[in-house]
């Protein structure tokens, strides 16, 4: 791995830290919403005579359950990944690490300027 690849990896990691930190609470809210929506659908099934429900409506209910379950799992996976990250690095240290890595990557983006010591004609 060369230096540019290392810097790209650090920038990507900083982006993951920032993205996870910025969205963690939003994901919890989404998870709660999907849980409640699934619960509503399950109670609808429980409280209505599903045998008398037309097939088209049954299919719609099944489609909604599948959709909400899929979205819920995607959000839950993000939350779990964030939790695993924060179990290794607490959120405060995570933010500090993000700032330090950002400054490292900014330094790497600075163009190198060299002042010759002996071979002055070489750099004209």
C-alpha atoms as a PDB file:
ATOM      1  CA  UNK A   1       0.000   0.000   0.000  1.00  0.00           C
ATOM      2  CA  UNK A   2       1.487   3.315  -1.025  1.00  0.00           C
ATOM      3  CA  UNK A   3       1.100   6.625   0.796  1.00  0.00           C
ATOM      4  CA  UNK A   4      -1.787   7.835  -1.369  1.00  0.00           C
ATOM      5  CA  UNK A   5      -3.710   4.620  -0.717  1.00  0.00           C
ATOM      6  CA  UNK A   6      -3.035   4.971   3.002  1.00  0.00           C
ATOM      7  CA  UNK A   7      -4.301   8.558   2.990  1.00  0.00           C
ATOM      8  CA  UNK A   8      -7.410   7.544   1.056  1.00  0.00           C
ATOM      9  CA  UNK A   9      -8.092   4.785   3.599  1.00  0.00           C
ATOM     10  CA  UNK A  10      -7.718   7.260   6.472  1.00  0.00           C
ATOM     11  CA  UNK A  11     -10.067   9.729   4.753  1.00  0.00           C
ATOM     12  CA  UNK A  12     -12.595   6.940   4.183  1.00  0.00           C
ATOM     13  CA  UNK A  13     -12.353   5.942   7.850  1.00  0.00           C
ATOM     14  CA  UNK A  14     -12.889   9.552   8.937  1.00  0.00           C
ATOM     15  CA  UNK A  15     -15.953   9.677   6.682  1.00  0.00           C
ATOM     16  CA  UNK A  16     -17.298   6.498   8.319  1.00  0.00           C
ATOM     17  CA  UNK A  17     -16.705   7.937  11.802  1.00  0.00           C
ATOM     18  CA  UNK A  18     -18.419  11.207  10.925  1.00  0.00           C
ATOM     19  CA  UNK A  19     -21.306   9.517   9.088  1.00  0.00           C
ATOM     20  CA  UNK A  20     -21.935   7.074  11.925  1.00  0.00           C
ATOM     21  CA  UNK A  21     -21.733   9.757  14.582  1.00  0.00           C
ATOM     22  CA  UNK A  22     -24.022  12.136  12.674  1.00  0.00           C
ATOM     23  CA  UNK A  23     -26.693   9.519  11.902  1.00  0.00           C
ATOM     24  CA  UNK A  24     -26.750   7.246  14.964  1.00  0.00           C
ATOM     25  CA  UNK A  25     -29.719   8.929  16.667  1.00  0.00           C
ATOM     26  CA  UNK A  26     -31.636   9.238  13.393  1.00  0.00           C
ATOM     27  CA  UNK A  27     -31.179   5.505  12.804  1.00  0.00           C
ATOM     28  CA  UNK A  28     -32.565   4.740  16.256  1.00  0.00           C
ATOM     29  CA  UNK A  29     -35.655   6.793  15.418  1.00  0.00           C
ATOM     30  CA  UNK A  30     -36.039   4.984  12.095  1.00  0.00           C
ATOM     31  CA  UNK A  31     -35.722   1.616  13.826  1.00  0.00           C
ATOM     32  CA  UNK A  32     -38.445   2.603  16.272  1.00  0.00           C
ATOM     33  CA  UNK A  33     -40.686   3.764  13.418  1.00  0.00           C
ATOM     34  CA  UNK A  34     -40.275   0.470  11.531  1.00  0.00           C
ATOM     35  CA  UNK A  35     -40.924  -1.533  14.696  1.00  0.00           C
ATOM     36  CA  UNK A  36     -44.152   0.378  15.280  1.00  0.00           C
ATOM     37  CA  UNK A  37     -45.243   0.018  11.649  1.00  0.00           C
ATOM     38  CA  UNK A  38     -44.653  -3.740  11.748  1.00  0.00           C
ATOM     39  CA  UNK A  39     -46.548  -3.907  15.026  1.00  0.00           C
ATOM     40  CA  UNK A  40     -49.479  -2.036  13.424  1.00  0.00           C
ATOM     41  CA  UNK A  41     -49.580  -4.508  10.547  1.00  0.00           C
ATOM     42  CA  UNK A  42     -49.434  -7.489  12.907  1.00  0.00           C
ATOM     43  CA  UNK A  43     -52.271  -6.090  15.005  1.00  0.00           C
ATOM     44  CA  UNK A  44     -54.305  -5.468  11.863  1.00  0.00           C
ATOM     45  CA  UNK A  45     -53.875  -9.146  10.998  1.00  0.00           C
ATOM     46  CA  UNK A  46     -54.719 -10.193  14.535  1.00  0.00           C
ATOM     47  CA  UNK A  47     -57.800  -8.011  14.910  1.00  0.00           C
ATOM     48  CA  UNK A  48     -59.332  -8.470  11.457  1.00  0.00           C
ATOM     49  CA  UNK A  49     -60.768 -11.573   9.926  1.00  0.00           C
ATOM     50  CA  UNK A  50     -57.934 -12.141   7.489  1.00  0.00           C
ATOM     51  CA  UNK A  51     -59.751 -15.035   5.807  1.00  0.00           C
ATOM     52  CA  UNK A  52     -62.372 -12.578   4.541  1.00  0.00           C
ATOM     53  CA  UNK A  53     -59.756 -10.106   3.279  1.00  0.00           C
ATOM     54  CA  UNK A  54     -59.388 -10.071  -0.527  1.00  0.00           C
ATOM     55  CA  UNK A  55     -56.184 -11.601  -1.888  1.00  0.00           C
ATOM     56  CA  UNK A  56     -55.028  -8.260  -3.310  1.00  0.00           C
ATOM     57  CA  UNK A  57     -55.157  -6.678   0.170  1.00  0.00           C
ATOM     58  CA  UNK A  58     -53.431  -9.698   1.749  1.00  0.00           C
ATOM     59  CA  UNK A  59     -50.619  -9.373  -0.789  1.00  0.00           C
ATOM     60  CA  UNK A  60     -50.336  -5.672  -0.033  1.00  0.00           C
ATOM     61  CA  UNK A  61     -50.047  -6.396   3.707  1.00  0.00           C
ATOM     62  CA  UNK A  62     -47.379  -9.053   3.074  1.00  0.00           C
ATOM     63  CA  UNK A  63     -45.488  -6.670   0.788  1.00  0.00           C
ATOM     64  CA  UNK A  64     -45.580  -3.949   3.458  1.00  0.00           C
ATOM     65  CA  UNK A  65     -44.364  -6.347   6.154  1.00  0.00           C
ATOM     66  CA  UNK A  66     -41.483  -7.456   3.935  1.00  0.00           C
ATOM     67  CA  UNK A  67     -40.589  -3.866   3.022  1.00  0.00           C
ATOM     68  CA  UNK A  68     -40.584  -2.668   6.637  1.00  0.00           C
ATOM     69  CA  UNK A  69     -38.638  -5.734   7.803  1.00  0.00           C
ATOM     70  CA  UNK A  70     -36.003  -5.165   5.098  1.00  0.00           C
ATOM     71  CA  UNK A  71     -35.631  -1.462   5.931  1.00  0.00           C
ATOM     72  CA  UNK A  72     -35.554  -2.287   9.641  1.00  0.00           C
ATOM     73  CA  UNK A  73     -32.730  -4.793   9.135  1.00  0.00           C
ATOM     74  CA  UNK A  74     -30.685  -2.302   7.100  1.00  0.00           C
ATOM     75  CA  UNK A  75     -31.010   0.358   9.809  1.00  0.00           C
ATOM     76  CA  UNK A  76     -30.371  -2.159  12.591  1.00  0.00           C
ATOM     77  CA  UNK A  77     -27.168  -3.282  10.854  1.00  0.00           C
ATOM     78  CA  UNK A  78     -25.938   0.322  10.731  1.00  0.00           C
ATOM     79  CA  UNK A  79     -26.764   0.808  14.417  1.00  0.00           C
ATOM     80  CA  UNK A  80     -25.010  -2.438  15.344  1.00  0.00           C
ATOM     81  CA  UNK A  81     -21.935  -1.468  13.350  1.00  0.00           C
ATOM     82  CA  UNK A  82     -21.881   1.941  15.041  1.00  0.00           C
ATOM     83  CA  UNK A  83     -22.289   0.306  18.458  1.00  0.00           C
ATOM     84  CA  UNK A  84     -19.387  -2.047  17.765  1.00  0.00           C
ATOM     85  CA  UNK A  85     -17.271   0.890  16.663  1.00  0.00           C
ATOM     86  CA  UNK A  86     -18.190   2.886  19.779  1.00  0.00           C
ATOM     87  CA  UNK A  87     -17.553  -0.116  22.042  1.00  0.00           C
ATOM     88  CA  UNK A  88     -13.910  -0.003  20.907  1.00  0.00           C
ATOM     89  CA  UNK A  89     -13.610   3.783  20.763  1.00  0.00           C
ATOM     90  CA  UNK A  90     -15.928   5.892  22.902  1.00  0.00           C
ATOM     91  CA  UNK A  91     -17.785   8.661  21.068  1.00  0.00           C
ATOM     92  CA  UNK A  92     -15.617  11.462  22.507  1.00  0.00           C
ATOM     93  CA  UNK A  93     -12.410   9.686  21.488  1.00  0.00           C
ATOM     94  CA  UNK A  94     -14.013   8.883  18.156  1.00  0.00           C
ATOM     95  CA  UNK A  95     -14.576  12.589  17.478  1.00  0.00           C
ATOM     96  CA  UNK A  96     -11.011  13.419  18.567  1.00  0.00           C
ATOM     97  CA  UNK A  97      -9.622  10.645  16.354  1.00  0.00           C
ATOM     98  CA  UNK A  98     -11.670  11.956  13.455  1.00  0.00           C
ATOM     99  CA  UNK A  99     -10.244  15.457  13.944  1.00  0.00           C
ATOM    100  CA  UNK A 100      -6.665  14.145  14.199  1.00  0.00           C
ATOM    101  CA  UNK A 101      -7.032  11.995  11.090  1.00  0.00           C
ATOM    102  CA  UNK A 102      -8.566  14.952   9.258  1.00  0.00           C
ATOM    103  CA  UNK A 103      -5.558  17.115  10.068  1.00  0.00           C
ATOM    104  CA  UNK A 104      -3.202  14.317   8.972  1.00  0.00           C
ATOM    105  CA  UNK A 105      -4.973  13.966   5.657  1.00  0.00           C
ATOM    106  CA  UNK A 106      -4.971  17.745   5.199  1.00  0.00           C
ATOM    107  CA  UNK A 107      -1.208  17.771   5.734  1.00  0.00           C
ATOM    108  CA  UNK A 108      -0.810  15.089   3.092  1.00  0.00           C
ATOM    109  CA  UNK A 109      -2.689  17.245   0.585  1.00  0.00           C
ATOM    110  CA  UNK A 110      -0.175  20.094   0.971  1.00  0.00           C
ATOM    111  CA  UNK A 111       2.175  20.405  -1.962  1.00  0.00           C
ATOM    112  CA  UNK A 112       5.778  19.672  -1.046  1.00  0.00           C
ATOM    113  CA  UNK A 113       8.219  22.517  -1.545  1.00  0.00           C
ATOM    114  CA  UNK A 114      11.901  21.822  -1.449  1.00  0.00           C
ATOM    115  CA  UNK A 115      14.716  24.307  -1.134  1.00  0.00           C
ATOM    116  CA  UNK A 116      17.942  22.870  -2.533  1.00  0.00           C
ATOM    117  CA  UNK A 117      20.977  22.832  -0.290  1.00  0.00           C
ATOM    118  CA  UNK A 118      23.696  22.283  -2.805  1.00  0.00           C
ATOM    119  CA  UNK A 119      22.400  21.639  -6.334  1.00  0.00           C
ATOM    120  CA  UNK A 120      20.652  24.968  -6.875  1.00  0.00           C
ATOM    121  CA  UNK A 121      20.773  24.758 -10.678  1.00  0.00           C
ATOM    122  CA  UNK A 122      18.900  21.434 -10.600  1.00  0.00           C
ATOM    123  CA  UNK A 123      15.677  23.082  -9.395  1.00  0.00           C
ATOM    124  CA  UNK A 124      15.526  26.039 -11.805  1.00  0.00           C
END
